[in-house]
Amino acid sequence: MSTNATYTLNAILANASCNGILTQSDRRMLKEAIVSSSFDEEAQQLVNRLLHAIRRGWVRLGF
């Protein structure tokens, strides 16, 4: 995965963790990062952390 895509995923995770909300623009950027890049182990861990936070209720989806 490219450094830019990893940076994007890190920024999305940090923003969602701080605010407690995954915004529509964050979801759009996440989708673009997933589609445009091949996933390595680090990227999979970032996405898994985000999904875990959503399941636990620490982060919710903003509409």
Protein backbone atom coordinates (compact mmCIF):
# COMPACT_ATOMS: atom_id res chain seq x y z
CA MET A 1 0.00 0.00 0.00
CA SER A 2 1.28 3.45 -0.78
CA THR A 3 2.41 5.82 1.93
CA ASN A 4 -0.30 8.30 0.96
CA ALA A 5 -3.05 5.70 1.38
CA THR A 6 -1.63 4.61 4.74
CA TYR A 7 -1.52 8.25 5.82
CA THR A 8 -5.16 8.64 4.73
CA LEU A 9 -6.25 5.59 6.71
CA ASN A 10 -4.35 6.80 9.77
CA ALA A 11 -5.97 10.24 9.48
CA ILE A 12 -9.46 8.72 9.17
CA LEU A 13 -8.90 6.49 12.20
CA ALA A 14 -7.51 9.37 14.28
CA ASN A 15 -10.34 11.71 13.30
CA ALA A 16 -13.02 9.11 14.04
CA SER A 17 -11.40 8.19 17.36
CA CYS A 18 -11.16 11.80 18.53
CA ASN A 19 -14.64 12.84 17.41
CA GLY A 20 -16.43 9.54 17.95
CA ILE A 21 -18.06 9.90 14.53
CA LEU A 22 -17.14 8.51 11.13
CA THR A 23 -18.44 11.17 8.77
CA GLN A 24 -19.69 10.63 5.23
CA SER A 25 -16.57 12.26 3.83
CA ASP A 26 -14.41 9.94 5.98
CA ARG A 27 -16.35 6.95 4.66
CA ARG A 28 -15.92 8.19 1.10
CA MET A 29 -12.16 8.60 1.57
CA LEU A 30 -11.97 5.16 3.21
CA LYS A 31 -13.78 3.59 0.27
CA GLU A 32 -11.46 5.33 -2.21
CA ALA A 33 -8.38 4.17 -0.27
CA ILE A 34 -9.66 0.60 -0.22
CA VAL A 35 -10.53 0.53 -3.91
CA SER A 36 -7.44 2.31 -5.20
CA SER A 37 -4.81 0.42 -3.22
CA SER A 38 -3.71 -3.09 -2.56
CA PHE A 39 -4.02 -3.82 1.13
CA ASP A 40 -1.06 -4.85 3.18
CA GLU A 41 -1.14 -6.08 6.78
CA GLU A 42 -0.86 -2.57 8.25
CA ALA A 43 -3.85 -1.32 6.27
CA GLN A 44 -5.91 -4.34 7.29
CA GLN A 45 -5.10 -3.65 10.94
CA LEU A 46 -6.19 -0.02 10.60
CA VAL A 47 -9.51 -0.98 9.03
CA ASN A 48 -10.03 -3.71 11.64
CA ARG A 49 -9.42 -1.20 14.46
CA LEU A 50 -11.98 1.14 12.96
CA LEU A 51 -14.55 -1.63 12.56
CA HIS A 52 -13.91 -2.78 16.13
CA ALA A 53 -14.47 0.76 17.43
CA ILE A 54 -17.75 0.96 15.51
CA ARG A 55 -18.93 -2.42 16.84
CA ARG A 56 -18.07 -1.43 20.42
CA GLY A 57 -19.94 1.86 20.07
CA TRP A 58 -16.85 4.04 20.52
CA VAL A 59 -17.33 5.40 17.01
CA ARG A 60 -20.68 5.86 15.32
CA LEU A 61 -21.59 6.56 11.73
CA GLY A 62 -22.53 10.15 10.99
CA PHE A 63 -25.16 10.87 8.39
